[in-house]
Amino acid sequence: MPLRVKLMNEYTMRWPLWIPDGPAAEGDLPVSDGLAADLKAWARTFNEHFDWQRGWDDSALIPGHALEAQRLRLALAEELGPDYEVVLDLWETPPP
């Protein structure tokens, strides 16, 4: 049975990957340095521009943030391979 890995932002979290027991630590999963940098940049954008009470400080960021999330999910699934199930929880963006 594949290990479920969730790609999801959370306030103050620099590493947006979660495993069934909670947040994954950087280095817990076999992620390349390049993809790790992209994941941290995506989480940084969230942390710098999303407020827990007001939401996004610039709504123009939302489409790019959502597209990058989809790209990251696919790249992560490809790198991790069939032993992992990669899911995306994009709770911070409104439904299309």
PDB file of N, CA and C in Angstrom:
ATOM      1  N   MET A   1       0.834  -1.180   0.000  1.00  0.00           N
ATOM      2  CA  MET A   1       0.000   0.000   0.000  1.00  0.00           C
ATOM      3  C   MET A   1       0.882   1.248   0.000  1.00  0.00           C
ATOM      4  N   PRO A   2       0.663   2.167  -0.945  1.00  0.00           N
ATOM      5  CA  PRO A   2       1.518   3.356  -1.025  1.00  0.00           C
ATOM      6  C   PRO A   2       1.345   4.280   0.188  1.00  0.00           C
ATOM      7  N   LEU A   3       2.423   4.954   0.537  1.00  0.00           N
ATOM      8  CA  LEU A   3       2.382   5.945   1.607  1.00  0.00           C
ATOM      9  C   LEU A   3       1.751   7.212   1.055  1.00  0.00           C
ATOM     10  N   ARG A   4       0.748   7.723   1.749  1.00  0.00           N
ATOM     11  CA  ARG A   4       0.061   8.942   1.307  1.00  0.00           C
ATOM     12  C   ARG A   4       0.855  10.168   1.752  1.00  0.00           C
ATOM     13  N   VAL A   5       1.186  11.015   0.790  1.00  0.00           N
ATOM     14  CA  VAL A   5       1.897  12.263   1.037  1.00  0.00           C
ATOM     15  C   VAL A   5       0.984  13.390   0.584  1.00  0.00           C
ATOM     16  N   LYS A   6       0.741  14.327   1.485  1.00  0.00           N
ATOM     17  CA  LYS A   6      -0.124  15.455   1.150  1.00  0.00           C
ATOM     18  C   LYS A   6       0.730  16.701   0.943  1.00  0.00           C
ATOM     19  N   LEU A   7       0.485  17.378  -0.156  1.00  0.00           N
ATOM     20  CA  LEU A   7       1.086  18.675  -0.433  1.00  0.00           C
ATOM     21  C   LEU A   7       0.082  19.709   0.045  1.00  0.00           C
ATOM     22  N   MET A   8       0.434  20.445   1.087  1.00  0.00           N
ATOM     23  CA  MET A   8      -0.508  21.382   1.691  1.00  0.00           C
ATOM     24  C   MET A   8       0.245  22.447   2.474  1.00  0.00           C
ATOM     25  N   ASN A   9      -0.169  23.675   2.293  1.00  0.00           N
ATOM     26  CA  ASN A   9       0.384  24.760   3.095  1.00  0.00           C
ATOM     27  C   ASN A   9      -0.288  24.813   4.456  1.00  0.00           C
ATOM     28  N   GLU A  10       0.452  25.352   5.406  1.00  0.00           N
ATOM     29  CA  GLU A  10      -0.090  25.627   6.736  1.00  0.00           C
ATOM     30  C   GLU A  10       0.705  26.808   7.286  1.00  0.00           C
ATOM     31  N   TYR A  11       0.057  27.605   8.078  1.00  0.00           N
ATOM     32  CA  TYR A  11       0.686  28.811   8.620  1.00  0.00           C
ATOM     33  C   TYR A  11       2.021  28.497   9.283  1.00  0.00           C
ATOM     34  N   THR A  12       3.013  29.283   8.944  1.00  0.00           N
ATOM     35  CA  THR A  12       4.393  29.253   9.466  1.00  0.00           C
ATOM     36  C   THR A  12       5.192  28.023   9.052  1.00  0.00           C
ATOM     37  N   MET A  13       4.618  27.098   8.312  1.00  0.00           N
ATOM     38  CA  MET A  13       5.348  25.889   7.908  1.00  0.00           C
ATOM     39  C   MET A  13       6.164  26.181   6.647  1.00  0.00           C
ATOM     40  N   ARG A  14       7.454  25.917   6.718  1.00  0.00           N
ATOM     41  CA  ARG A  14       8.340  26.122   5.558  1.00  0.00           C
ATOM     42  C   ARG A  14       8.349  24.923   4.622  1.00  0.00           C
ATOM     43  N   TRP A  15       7.971  23.767   5.113  1.00  0.00           N
ATOM     44  CA  TRP A  15       8.015  22.518   4.335  1.00  0.00           C
ATOM     45  C   TRP A  15       6.583  22.008   4.199  1.00  0.00           C
ATOM     46  N   PRO A  16       5.987  22.080   2.985  1.00  0.00           N
ATOM     47  CA  PRO A  16       4.552  21.833   2.827  1.00  0.00           C
ATOM     48  C   PRO A  16       4.159  20.381   2.561  1.00  0.00           C
ATOM     49  N   LEU A  17       4.904  19.441   3.111  1.00  0.00           N
ATOM     50  CA  LEU A  17       4.574  18.029   2.902  1.00  0.00           C
ATOM     51  C   LEU A  17       4.136  17.394   4.216  1.00  0.00           C
ATOM     52  N   TRP A  18       3.119  16.544   4.100  1.00  0.00           N
ATOM     53  CA  TRP A  18       2.514  15.899   5.261  1.00  0.00           C
ATOM     54  C   TRP A  18       2.422  14.405   5.005  1.00  0.00           C
ATOM     55  N   ILE A  19       2.640  13.639   6.049  1.00  0.00           N
ATOM     56  CA  ILE A  19       2.480  12.191   5.996  1.00  0.00           C
ATOM     57  C   ILE A  19       1.368  11.834   6.996  1.00  0.00           C
ATOM     58  N   PRO A  20       0.922  10.597   7.023  1.00  0.00           N
ATOM     59  CA  PRO A  20      -0.219  10.273   7.896  1.00  0.00           C
ATOM     60  C   PRO A  20      -0.062  10.690   9.359  1.00  0.00           C
ATOM     61  N   ASP A  21       1.150  10.706   9.874  1.00  0.00           N
ATOM     62  CA  ASP A  21       1.358  11.065  11.285  1.00  0.00           C
ATOM     63  C   ASP A  21       1.427  12.564  11.523  1.00  0.00           C
ATOM     64  N   GLY A  22       1.436  13.382  10.472  1.00  0.00           N
ATOM     65  CA  GLY A  22       1.531  14.832  10.632  1.00  0.00           C
ATOM     66  C   GLY A  22       2.524  15.408   9.639  1.00  0.00           C
ATOM     67  N   PRO A  23       3.093  16.573   9.970  1.00  0.00           N
ATOM     68  CA  PRO A  23       4.024  17.194   9.031  1.00  0.00           C
ATOM     69  C   PRO A  23       5.277  16.352   8.825  1.00  0.00           C
ATOM     70  N   ALA A  24       5.689  16.237   7.580  1.00  0.00           N
ATOM     71  CA  ALA A  24       6.957  15.568   7.276  1.00  0.00           C
ATOM     72  C   ALA A  24       8.083  16.572   7.498  1.00  0.00           C
ATOM     73  N   ALA A  25       9.187  16.096   7.969  1.00  0.00           N
ATOM     74  CA  ALA A  25      10.366  16.944   8.098  1.00  0.00           C
ATOM     75  C   ALA A  25      11.119  16.919   6.773  1.00  0.00           C
ATOM     76  N   GLU A  26      11.771  18.008   6.475  1.00  0.00           N
ATOM     77  CA  GLU A  26      12.599  18.033   5.268  1.00  0.00           C
ATOM     78  C   GLU A  26      13.644  16.932   5.416  1.00  0.00           C
ATOM     79  N   GLY A  27      13.768  16.096   4.414  1.00  0.00           N
ATOM     80  CA  GLY A  27      14.690  14.972   4.476  1.00  0.00           C
ATOM     81  C   GLY A  27      14.001  13.651   4.779  1.00  0.00           C
ATOM     82  N   ASP A  28      12.745  13.691   5.208  1.00  0.00           N
ATOM     83  CA  ASP A  28      11.998  12.452   5.473  1.00  0.00           C
ATOM     84  C   ASP A  28      11.652  11.702   4.192  1.00  0.00           C
ATOM     85  N   LEU A  29      11.526  12.436   3.088  1.00  0.00           N
ATOM     86  CA  LEU A  29      11.122  11.844   1.812  1.00  0.00           C
ATOM     87  C   LEU A  29      12.217  12.077   0.777  1.00  0.00           C
ATOM     88  N   PRO A  30      12.368  11.162  -0.180  1.00  0.00           N
ATOM     89  CA  PRO A  30      13.426  11.291  -1.181  1.00  0.00           C
ATOM     90  C   PRO A  30      13.074  12.324  -2.258  1.00  0.00           C
ATOM     91  N   VAL A  31      13.297  13.595  -1.925  1.00  0.00           N
ATOM     92  CA  VAL A  31      12.984  14.712  -2.815  1.00  0.00           C
ATOM     93  C   VAL A  31      14.298  15.361  -3.248  1.00  0.00           C
ATOM     94  N   SER A  32      14.436  15.623  -4.530  1.00  0.00           N
ATOM     95  CA  SER A  32      15.659  16.240  -5.040  1.00  0.00           C
ATOM     96  C   SER A  32      15.814  17.664  -4.494  1.00  0.00           C
ATOM     97  N   ASP A  33      17.033  18.155  -4.538  1.00  0.00           N
ATOM     98  CA  ASP A  33      17.303  19.512  -4.056  1.00  0.00           C
ATOM     99  C   ASP A  33      16.509  20.550  -4.843  1.00  0.00           C
ATOM    100  N   GLY A  34      16.404  20.356  -6.153  1.00  0.00           N
ATOM    101  CA  GLY A  34      15.673  21.320  -6.983  1.00  0.00           C
ATOM    102  C   GLY A  34      14.198  21.369  -6.634  1.00  0.00           C
ATOM    103  N   LEU A  35      13.577  20.204  -6.483  1.00  0.00           N
ATOM    104  CA  LEU A  35      12.158  20.167  -6.122  1.00  0.00           C
ATOM    105  C   LEU A  35      11.962  20.684  -4.695  1.00  0.00           C
ATOM    106  N   ALA A  36      12.884  20.368  -3.805  1.00  0.00           N
ATOM    107  CA  ALA A  36      12.791  20.882  -2.434  1.00  0.00           C
ATOM    108  C   ALA A  36      12.801  22.405  -2.435  1.00  0.00           C
ATOM    109  N   ALA A  37      13.651  23.003  -3.237  1.00  0.00           N
ATOM    110  CA  ALA A  37      13.706  24.470  -3.329  1.00  0.00           C
ATOM    111  C   ALA A  37      12.380  25.025  -3.856  1.00  0.00           C
ATOM    112  N   ASP A  38      11.799  24.354  -4.850  1.00  0.00           N
ATOM    113  CA  ASP A  38      10.512  24.797  -5.392  1.00  0.00           C
ATOM    114  C   ASP A  38       9.394  24.668  -4.356  1.00  0.00           C
ATOM    115  N   LEU A  39       9.389  23.587  -3.596  1.00  0.00           N
ATOM    116  CA  LEU A  39       8.382  23.400  -2.555  1.00  0.00           C
ATOM    117  C   LEU A  39       8.494  24.486  -1.489  1.00  0.00           C
ATOM    118  N   LYS A  40       9.711  24.803  -1.084  1.00  0.00           N
ATOM    119  CA  LYS A  40       9.908  25.840  -0.066  1.00  0.00           C
ATOM    120  C   LYS A  40       9.530  27.218  -0.605  1.00  0.00           C
ATOM    121  N   ALA A  41       9.802  27.476  -1.878  1.00  0.00           N
ATOM    122  CA  ALA A  41       9.417  28.763  -2.471  1.00  0.00           C
ATOM    123  C   ALA A  41       7.899  28.899  -2.518  1.00  0.00           C
ATOM    124  N   TRP A  42       7.206  27.816  -2.849  1.00  0.00           N
ATOM    125  CA  TRP A  42       5.745  27.822  -2.887  1.00  0.00           C
ATOM    126  C   TRP A  42       5.179  28.089  -1.493  1.00  0.00           C
ATOM    127  N   ALA A  43       5.719  27.421  -0.477  1.00  0.00           N
ATOM    128  CA  ALA A  43       5.277  27.635   0.903  1.00  0.00           C
ATOM    129  C   ALA A  43       5.607  29.057   1.366  1.00  0.00           C
ATOM    130  N   ARG A  44       6.742  29.572   0.959  1.00  0.00           N
ATOM    131  CA  ARG A  44       7.140  30.937   1.335  1.00  0.00           C
ATOM    132  C   ARG A  44       6.153  31.960   0.772  1.00  0.00           C
ATOM    133  N   THR A  45       5.736  31.776  -0.492  1.00  0.00           N
ATOM    134  CA  THR A  45       4.747  32.681  -1.081  1.00  0.00           C
ATOM    135  C   THR A  45       3.471  32.681  -0.258  1.00  0.00           C
ATOM    136  N   PHE A  46       3.008  31.505   0.123  1.00  0.00           N
ATOM    137  CA  PHE A  46       1.825  31.396   0.970  1.00  0.00           C
ATOM    138  C   PHE A  46       2.035  32.155   2.281  1.00  0.00           C
ATOM    139  N   ASN A  47       3.126  31.896   2.966  1.00  0.00           N
ATOM    140  CA  ASN A  47       3.370  32.508   4.270  1.00  0.00           C
ATOM    141  C   ASN A  47       3.549  34.023   4.205  1.00  0.00           C
ATOM    142  N   GLU A  48       4.075  34.507   3.090  1.00  0.00           N
ATOM    143  CA  GLU A  48       4.290  35.952   2.955  1.00  0.00           C
ATOM    144  C   GLU A  48       3.047  36.700   2.493  1.00  0.00           C
ATOM    145  N   HIS A  49       2.102  36.011   1.862  1.00  0.00           N
ATOM    146  CA  HIS A  49       0.976  36.720   1.238  1.00  0.00           C
ATOM    147  C   HIS A  49      -0.410  36.270   1.682  1.00  0.00           C
ATOM    148  N   PHE A  50      -0.504  35.274   2.557  1.00  0.00           N
ATOM    149  CA  PHE A  50      -1.812  34.802   3.002  1.00  0.00           C
ATOM    150  C   PHE A  50      -1.953  35.055   4.492  1.00  0.00           C
ATOM    151  N   ASP A  51      -3.014  35.762   4.863  1.00  0.00           N
ATOM    152  CA  ASP A  51      -3.291  36.052   6.257  1.00  0.00           C
ATOM    153  C   ASP A  51      -4.452  35.193   6.730  1.00  0.00           C
ATOM    154  N   TRP A  52      -4.361  34.658   7.919  1.00  0.00           N
ATOM    155  CA  TRP A  52      -5.380  33.735   8.415  1.00  0.00           C
ATOM    156  C   TRP A  52      -6.752  34.390   8.560  1.00  0.00           C
ATOM    157  N   GLN A  53      -6.804  35.712   8.706  1.00  0.00           N
ATOM    158  CA  GLN A  53      -8.094  36.391   8.828  1.00  0.00           C
ATOM    159  C   GLN A  53      -8.560  37.023   7.519  1.00  0.00           C
ATOM    160  N   ARG A  54      -7.635  37.554   6.744  1.00  0.00           N
ATOM    161  CA  ARG A  54      -8.004  38.313   5.547  1.00  0.00           C
ATOM    162  C   ARG A  54      -7.779  37.571   4.230  1.00  0.00           C
ATOM    163  N   GLY A  55      -7.065  36.453   4.273  1.00  0.00           N
ATOM    164  CA  GLY A  55      -6.769  35.727   3.042  1.00  0.00           C
ATOM    165  C   GLY A  55      -5.584  36.343   2.310  1.00  0.00           C
ATOM    166  N   TRP A  56      -5.613  36.265   1.000  1.00  0.00           N
ATOM    167  CA  TRP A  56      -4.508  36.745   0.162  1.00  0.00           C
ATOM    168  C   TRP A  56      -4.433  38.259   0.176  1.00  0.00           C
ATOM    169  N   ASP A  57      -3.215  38.794   0.269  1.00  0.00           N
ATOM    170  CA  ASP A  57      -3.054  40.248   0.219  1.00  0.00           C
ATOM    171  C   ASP A  57      -3.073  40.771  -1.214  1.00  0.00           C
ATOM    172  N   ASP A  58      -2.962  39.866  -2.188  1.00  0.00           N
ATOM    173  CA  ASP A  58      -3.022  40.231  -3.603  1.00  0.00           C
ATOM    174  C   ASP A  58      -3.693  39.074  -4.349  1.00  0.00           C
ATOM    175  N   SER A  59      -4.927  39.276  -4.757  1.00  0.00           N
ATOM    176  CA  SER A  59      -5.674  38.197  -5.419  1.00  0.00           C
ATOM    177  C   SER A  59      -5.049  37.781  -6.745  1.00  0.00           C
ATOM    178  N   ALA A  60      -4.198  38.609  -7.307  1.00  0.00           N
ATOM    179  CA  ALA A  60      -3.523  38.260  -8.561  1.00  0.00           C
ATOM    180  C   ALA A  60      -2.555  37.089  -8.375  1.00  0.00           C
ATOM    181  N   LEU A  61      -2.161  36.809  -7.140  1.00  0.00           N
ATOM    182  CA  LEU A  61      -1.249  35.695  -6.871  1.00  0.00           C
ATOM    183  C   LEU A  61      -1.949  34.339  -6.911  1.00  0.00           C
ATOM    184  N   ILE A  62      -3.258  34.318  -6.738  1.00  0.00           N
ATOM    185  CA  ILE A  62      -3.988  33.056  -6.573  1.00  0.00           C
ATOM    186  C   ILE A  62      -3.855  32.122  -7.772  1.00  0.00           C
ATOM    187  N   PRO A  63      -4.093  32.588  -9.016  1.00  0.00           N
ATOM    188  CA  PRO A  63      -3.995  31.641 -10.144  1.00  0.00           C
ATOM    189  C   PRO A  63      -2.610  31.008 -10.285  1.00  0.00           C
ATOM    190  N   GLY A  64      -1.563  31.799 -10.145  1.00  0.00           N
ATOM    191  CA  GLY A  64      -0.207  31.262 -10.254  1.00  0.00           C
ATOM    192  C   GLY A  64       0.121  30.308  -9.125  1.00  0.00           C
ATOM    193  N   HIS A  65      -0.358  30.624  -7.935  1.00  0.00           N
ATOM    194  CA  HIS A  65      -0.150  29.753  -6.774  1.00  0.00           C
ATOM    195  C   HIS A  65      -0.809  28.396  -7.016  1.00  0.00           C
ATOM    196  N   ALA A  66      -2.025  28.410  -7.544  1.00  0.00           N
ATOM    197  CA  ALA A  66      -2.749  27.157  -7.809  1.00  0.00           C
ATOM    198  C   ALA A  66      -2.082  26.359  -8.921  1.00  0.00           C
ATOM    199  N   LEU A  67      -1.630  27.032  -9.972  1.00  0.00           N
ATOM    200  CA  LEU A  67      -0.937  26.331 -11.063  1.00  0.00           C
ATOM    201  C   LEU A  67       0.370  25.704 -10.577  1.00  0.00           C
ATOM    202  N   GLU A  68       1.086  26.444  -9.756  1.00  0.00           N
ATOM    203  CA  GLU A  68       2.344  25.908  -9.218  1.00  0.00           C
ATOM    204  C   GLU A  68       2.070  24.700  -8.326  1.00  0.00           C
ATOM    205  N   ALA A  69       0.970  24.724  -7.580  1.00  0.00           N
ATOM    206  CA  ALA A  69       0.611  23.585  -6.741  1.00  0.00           C
ATOM    207  C   ALA A  69       0.396  22.335  -7.584  1.00  0.00           C
ATOM    208  N   GLN A  70      -0.292  22.482  -8.703  1.00  0.00           N
ATOM    209  CA  GLN A  70      -0.528  21.337  -9.591  1.00  0.00           C
ATOM    210  C   GLN A  70       0.793  20.816 -10.156  1.00  0.00           C
ATOM    211  N   ARG A  71       1.663  21.731 -10.558  1.00  0.00           N
ATOM    212  CA  ARG A  71       2.969  21.329 -11.098  1.00  0.00           C
ATOM    213  C   ARG A  71       3.784  20.597 -10.034  1.00  0.00           C
ATOM    214  N   LEU A  72       3.775  21.130  -8.826  1.00  0.00           N
ATOM    215  CA  LEU A  72       4.531  20.501  -7.743  1.00  0.00           C
ATOM    216  C   LEU A  72       3.990  19.121  -7.403  1.00  0.00           C
ATOM    217  N   ARG A  73       2.684  18.966  -7.403  1.00  0.00           N
ATOM    218  CA  ARG A  73       2.096  17.653  -7.114  1.00  0.00           C
ATOM    219  C   ARG A  73       2.550  16.626  -8.142  1.00  0.00           C
ATOM    220  N   LEU A  74       2.511  17.003  -9.414  1.00  0.00           N
ATOM    221  CA  LEU A  74       2.942  16.079 -10.472  1.00  0.00           C
ATOM    222  C   LEU A  74       4.437  15.763 -10.366  1.00  0.00           C
ATOM    223  N   ALA A  75       5.252  16.785 -10.129  1.00  0.00           N
ATOM    224  CA  ALA A  75       6.701  16.575 -10.013  1.00  0.00           C
ATOM    225  C   ALA A  75       7.027  15.694  -8.808  1.00  0.00           C
ATOM    226  N   LEU A  76       6.324  15.924  -7.714  1.00  0.00           N
ATOM    227  CA  LEU A  76       6.540  15.123  -6.507  1.00  0.00           C
ATOM    228  C   LEU A  76       6.142  13.670  -6.740  1.00  0.00           C
ATOM    229  N   ALA A  77       5.000  13.457  -7.383  1.00  0.00           N
ATOM    230  CA  ALA A  77       4.559  12.086  -7.679  1.00  0.00           C
ATOM    231  C   ALA A  77       5.571  11.381  -8.577  1.00  0.00           C
ATOM    232  N   GLU A  78       6.107  12.098  -9.537  1.00  0.00           N
ATOM    233  CA  GLU A  78       7.091  11.504 -10.447  1.00  0.00           C
ATOM    234  C   GLU A  78       8.371  11.145  -9.700  1.00  0.00           C
ATOM    235  N   GLU A  79       8.846  12.055  -8.865  1.00  0.00           N
ATOM    236  CA  GLU A  79      10.090  11.786  -8.127  1.00  0.00           C
ATOM    237  C   GLU A  79       9.922  10.673  -7.097  1.00  0.00           C
ATOM    238  N   LEU A  80       8.815  10.666  -6.387  1.00  0.00           N
ATOM    239  CA  LEU A  80       8.628   9.679  -5.325  1.00  0.00           C
ATOM    240  C   LEU A  80       8.314   8.293  -5.877  1.00  0.00           C
ATOM    241  N   GLY A  81       7.609   8.229  -6.996  1.00  0.00           N
ATOM    242  CA  GLY A  81       7.333   6.951  -7.625  1.00  0.00           C
ATOM    243  C   GLY A  81       6.119   6.237  -7.055  1.00  0.00           C
ATOM    244  N   PRO A  82       5.942   4.979  -7.449  1.00  0.00           N
ATOM    245  CA  PRO A  82       4.715   4.239  -7.140  1.00  0.00           C
ATOM    246  C   PRO A  82       4.539   3.833  -5.671  1.00  0.00           C
ATOM    247  N   ASP A  83       5.563   3.980  -4.866  1.00  0.00           N
ATOM    248  CA  ASP A  83       5.431   3.640  -3.445  1.00  0.00           C
ATOM    249  C   ASP A  83       4.742   4.746  -2.645  1.00  0.00           C
ATOM    250  N   TYR A  84       4.392   5.845  -3.331  1.00  0.00           N
ATOM    251  CA  TYR A  84       3.774   6.990  -2.674  1.00  0.00           C
ATOM    252  C   TYR A  84       2.535   7.425  -3.451  1.00  0.00           C
ATOM    253  N   GLU A  85       1.528   7.868  -2.716  1.00  0.00           N
ATOM    254  CA  GLU A  85       0.337   8.483  -3.310  1.00  0.00           C
ATOM    255  C   GLU A  85       0.390   9.959  -2.938  1.00  0.00           C
ATOM    256  N   VAL A  86       0.523  10.830  -3.928  1.00  0.00           N
ATOM    257  CA  VAL A  86       0.651  12.262  -3.663  1.00  0.00           C
ATOM    258  C   VAL A  86      -0.686  12.937  -3.926  1.00  0.00           C
ATOM    259  N   VAL A  87      -1.194  13.613  -2.908  1.00  0.00           N
ATOM    260  CA  VAL A  87      -2.453  14.339  -3.026  1.00  0.00           C
ATOM    261  C   VAL A  87      -2.201  15.808  -2.712  1.00  0.00           C
ATOM    262  N   LEU A  88      -3.073  16.644  -3.223  1.00  0.00           N
ATOM    263  CA  LEU A  88      -2.970  18.088  -3.028  1.00  0.00           C
ATOM    264  C   LEU A  88      -4.175  18.576  -2.250  1.00  0.00           C
ATOM    265  N   ASP A  89      -3.922  19.345  -1.218  1.00  0.00           N
ATOM    266  CA  ASP A  89      -4.988  20.032  -0.473  1.00  0.00           C
ATOM    267  C   ASP A  89      -4.726  21.518  -0.605  1.00  0.00           C
ATOM    268  N   LEU A  90      -5.438  22.135  -1.515  1.00  0.00           N
ATOM    269  CA  LEU A  90      -5.242  23.556  -1.832  1.00  0.00           C
ATOM    270  C   LEU A  90      -6.345  24.372  -1.171  1.00  0.00           C
ATOM    271  N   TRP A  91      -6.468  24.254   0.136  1.00  0.00           N
ATOM    272  CA  TRP A  91      -7.546  24.880   0.887  1.00  0.00           C
ATOM    273  C   TRP A  91      -7.508  26.409   0.808  1.00  0.00           C
ATOM    274  N   GLU A  92      -6.349  26.992   0.531  1.00  0.00           N
ATOM    275  CA  GLU A  92      -6.199  28.448   0.568  1.00  0.00           C
ATOM    276  C   GLU A  92      -6.665  29.165  -0.691  1.00  0.00           C
ATOM    277  N   THR A  93      -7.100  28.417  -1.670  1.00  0.00           N
ATOM    278  CA  THR A  93      -7.603  29.051  -2.894  1.00  0.00           C
ATOM    279  C   THR A  93      -9.090  28.769  -3.055  1.00  0.00           C
ATOM    280  N   PRO A  94      -9.825  29.742  -3.584  1.00  0.00           N
ATOM    281  CA  PRO A  94     -11.262  29.506  -3.788  1.00  0.00           C
ATOM    282  C   PRO A  94     -11.484  28.505  -4.909  1.00  0.00           C
ATOM    283  N   PRO A  95     -12.584  27.767  -4.858  1.00  0.00           N
ATOM    284  CA  PRO A  95     -12.861  26.816  -5.944  1.00  0.00           C
ATOM    285  C   PRO A  95     -13.030  27.559  -7.267  1.00  0.00           C
ATOM    286  N   PRO A  96     -12.684  26.897  -8.380  1.00  0.00           N
ATOM    287  CA  PRO A  96     -12.789  27.564  -9.691  1.00  0.00           C
ATOM    288  C   PRO A  96     -14.217  27.908 -10.061  1.00  0.00           C
TER     289      PRO A  96
END
